Amino acid sequence: MDHQMPGMSPPPPPPMNGTTGMHHKMMMHMTFFWGKDTLILFSGWPGSSTGMYVLALVFIFVLAVLVEWLSHCRLVKPGSNNVAAGLIKTLMHAIRVGLAYLVMLAVMSFNGGVFIVAVAGHLVGFLFFGSGVFKDTEMPPYHKTSDLPPLSC
């Protein structure tokens, strides 16, 4: 008697050619781990190559820095046309949120190296673009330094 749920198909039969039918699949970790053998953002990337893993870390670092830059940059000049300024701010917001989600998805690989470079990218980005350390003039408190509102989680 078949005890399957309605709409569920039975498991595939074992292969008849003598192989075990086992495929090498990369397991998704649900806890932090260390190592270069991981999947980040795309199927098969970075693979098992150390060079590609380092490239992936650099990519995530740059994405995090770009999120901070977009969070603190001023591309709209005072006195700009309201419609044009609103469209530019909307586009900047969409790009910033998209990049922030990419960083978040990369961190969800649970790879310790990815987590560290994502945080480091946000740290460096904020240091250069948000902290005011490299400004020539003293910034008064609560000074509007960006076209966009701060990211809130």
Protein backbone atom coordinates (compact mmCIF):
# COMPACT_ATOMS: atom_id res chain seq x y z
CA MET A 1 0.00 0.00 0.00
CA ASP A 2 1.35 3.46 -0.92
CA HIS A 3 1.49 5.89 2.02
CA GLN A 4 2.62 8.99 0.17
CA MET A 5 1.07 12.40 0.49
CA PRO A 6 -1.16 13.43 -2.42
CA GLY A 7 0.79 15.31 -5.07
CA MET A 8 4.15 13.93 -3.93
CA SER A 9 6.14 11.82 -6.35
CA PRO A 10 8.06 8.77 -5.16
CA PRO A 11 11.84 8.96 -4.82
CA PRO A 12 13.77 8.04 -7.95
CA PRO A 13 14.77 4.38 -8.25
CA PRO A 14 18.43 3.50 -7.62
CA PRO A 15 20.59 3.48 -10.75
CA MET A 16 20.88 0.12 -12.50
CA ASN A 17 24.40 0.60 -13.86
CA GLY A 18 26.21 -0.41 -10.67
CA THR A 19 27.03 3.11 -9.48
CA THR A 20 25.91 4.34 -6.13
CA GLY A 21 23.99 7.26 -7.58
CA MET A 22 25.75 9.64 -5.22
CA HIS A 23 26.48 13.06 -6.63
CA HIS A 24 29.06 15.38 -5.15
CA LYS A 25 27.05 18.34 -3.95
CA MET A 26 28.30 21.15 -1.80
CA MET A 27 26.47 21.22 1.50
CA MET A 28 25.12 24.57 2.68
CA HIS A 29 26.44 25.36 6.13
CA MET A 30 24.05 26.68 8.75
CA THR A 31 26.82 27.63 11.19
CA PHE A 32 30.00 29.66 10.72
CA PHE A 33 32.91 27.76 9.23
CA TRP A 34 36.39 28.57 7.96
CA GLY A 35 37.80 27.59 4.61
CA LYS A 36 37.87 28.46 0.94
CA ASP A 37 35.47 25.73 -0.20
CA THR A 38 32.20 27.64 -0.16
CA LEU A 39 29.52 29.03 -2.44
CA ILE A 40 29.11 32.80 -2.48
CA LEU A 41 26.22 34.41 -4.37
CA PHE A 42 26.46 32.26 -7.54
CA SER A 43 26.41 28.54 -8.23
CA GLY A 44 29.95 27.22 -8.46
CA TRP A 45 31.59 30.49 -7.37
CA PRO A 46 34.26 30.74 -6.12
CA GLY A 47 34.75 26.96 -6.37
CA SER A 48 37.74 25.35 -4.69
CA SER A 49 40.42 27.67 -6.10
CA THR A 50 42.23 29.82 -3.54
CA GLY A 51 42.63 32.63 -6.06
CA MET A 52 38.91 32.72 -6.81
CA TYR A 53 38.13 32.68 -3.08
CA VAL A 54 40.40 35.69 -2.56
CA LEU A 55 38.71 37.42 -5.53
CA ALA A 56 35.31 36.72 -3.95
CA LEU A 57 36.50 38.25 -0.66
CA VAL A 58 37.75 41.36 -2.47
CA PHE A 59 34.42 41.59 -4.33
CA ILE A 60 32.41 41.45 -1.07
CA PHE A 61 34.74 44.01 0.54
CA VAL A 62 34.24 46.43 -2.40
CA LEU A 63 30.45 45.92 -2.31
CA ALA A 64 30.38 46.83 1.40
CA VAL A 65 32.53 49.94 0.78
CA LEU A 66 30.16 50.98 -2.05
CA VAL A 67 27.14 50.60 0.26
CA GLU A 68 28.79 52.99 2.72
CA TRP A 69 29.77 55.43 -0.04
CA LEU A 70 26.19 55.53 -1.32
CA SER A 71 24.97 56.00 2.24
CA HIS A 72 27.10 59.13 2.72
CA CYS A 73 27.59 60.71 -0.70
CA ARG A 74 26.00 63.89 -2.01
CA LEU A 75 25.33 63.73 -5.72
CA VAL A 76 22.34 66.09 -5.71
CA LYS A 77 23.38 69.72 -5.51
CA PRO A 78 21.31 72.26 -3.53
CA GLY A 79 18.86 74.07 -5.80
CA SER A 80 18.46 71.12 -8.20
CA ASN A 81 15.17 70.46 -9.95
CA ASN A 82 12.95 68.54 -7.48
CA VAL A 83 11.89 65.92 -10.04
CA ALA A 84 15.44 65.24 -11.22
CA ALA A 85 16.74 65.23 -7.63
CA GLY A 86 13.98 62.85 -6.57
CA LEU A 87 14.71 60.47 -9.44
CA ILE A 88 18.47 60.50 -8.70
CA LYS A 89 17.83 59.84 -5.00
CA THR A 90 15.43 57.00 -5.87
CA LEU A 91 17.95 55.39 -8.20
CA MET A 92 20.73 55.77 -5.62
CA HIS A 93 18.48 54.19 -2.97
CA ALA A 94 17.66 51.22 -5.22
CA ILE A 95 21.35 50.62 -5.99
CA ARG A 96 22.33 50.94 -2.33
CA VAL A 97 19.65 48.50 -1.18
CA GLY A 98 20.54 46.05 -3.95
CA LEU A 99 24.23 46.12 -3.02
CA ALA A 100 23.39 45.80 0.69
CA TYR A 101 21.27 42.72 -0.05
CA LEU A 102 24.14 41.20 -2.06
CA VAL A 103 26.47 41.70 0.92
CA MET A 104 23.83 40.17 3.21
CA LEU A 105 23.39 37.15 0.93
CA ALA A 106 27.16 36.66 0.79
CA VAL A 107 27.35 36.71 4.59
CA MET A 108 24.60 34.09 4.62
CA SER A 109 27.15 31.66 3.17
CA PHE A 110 28.26 31.44 6.86
CA ASN A 111 31.90 31.60 5.76
CA GLY A 112 34.00 33.32 8.43
CA GLY A 113 36.22 35.05 5.86
CA VAL A 114 33.22 36.50 4.04
CA PHE A 115 31.78 37.80 7.30
CA ILE A 116 35.07 39.46 8.27
CA VAL A 117 35.59 41.19 4.90
CA ALA A 118 31.96 42.37 4.81
CA VAL A 119 32.33 44.01 8.23
CA ALA A 120 35.76 45.35 7.27
CA GLY A 121 34.32 46.83 4.07
CA HIS A 122 31.60 48.63 6.00
CA LEU A 123 34.20 49.79 8.54
CA VAL A 124 36.56 51.19 5.88
CA GLY A 125 33.67 52.73 3.93
CA PHE A 126 32.32 54.47 7.01
CA LEU A 127 35.80 55.61 8.04
CA PHE A 128 36.39 57.29 4.67
CA PHE A 129 32.89 58.51 3.83
CA GLY A 130 30.87 58.80 7.04
CA SER A 131 33.09 59.50 10.00
CA GLY A 132 34.34 62.93 9.00
CA VAL A 133 37.93 61.99 9.88
CA PHE A 134 39.17 63.16 6.49
CA LYS A 135 37.11 66.38 6.31
CA ASP A 136 38.95 69.70 6.31
CA THR A 137 36.25 71.49 8.26
CA GLU A 138 34.67 70.57 11.56
CA MET A 139 31.25 68.95 11.10
CA PRO A 140 28.51 70.23 13.39
CA PRO A 141 26.43 67.52 15.06
CA TYR A 142 23.41 66.26 13.13
CA HIS A 143 24.77 67.72 9.90
CA LYS A 144 23.09 66.26 6.84
CA THR A 145 25.94 64.48 5.03
CA SER A 146 23.99 62.36 2.57
CA ASP A 147 21.25 62.52 0.00
CA LEU A 148 19.81 59.30 1.40
CA PRO A 149 18.43 58.46 4.82
CA PRO A 150 20.53 56.03 6.88
CA LEU A 151 20.00 52.32 6.40
CA SER A 152 17.89 50.90 9.20
CA CYS A 153 17.50 47.23 9.97
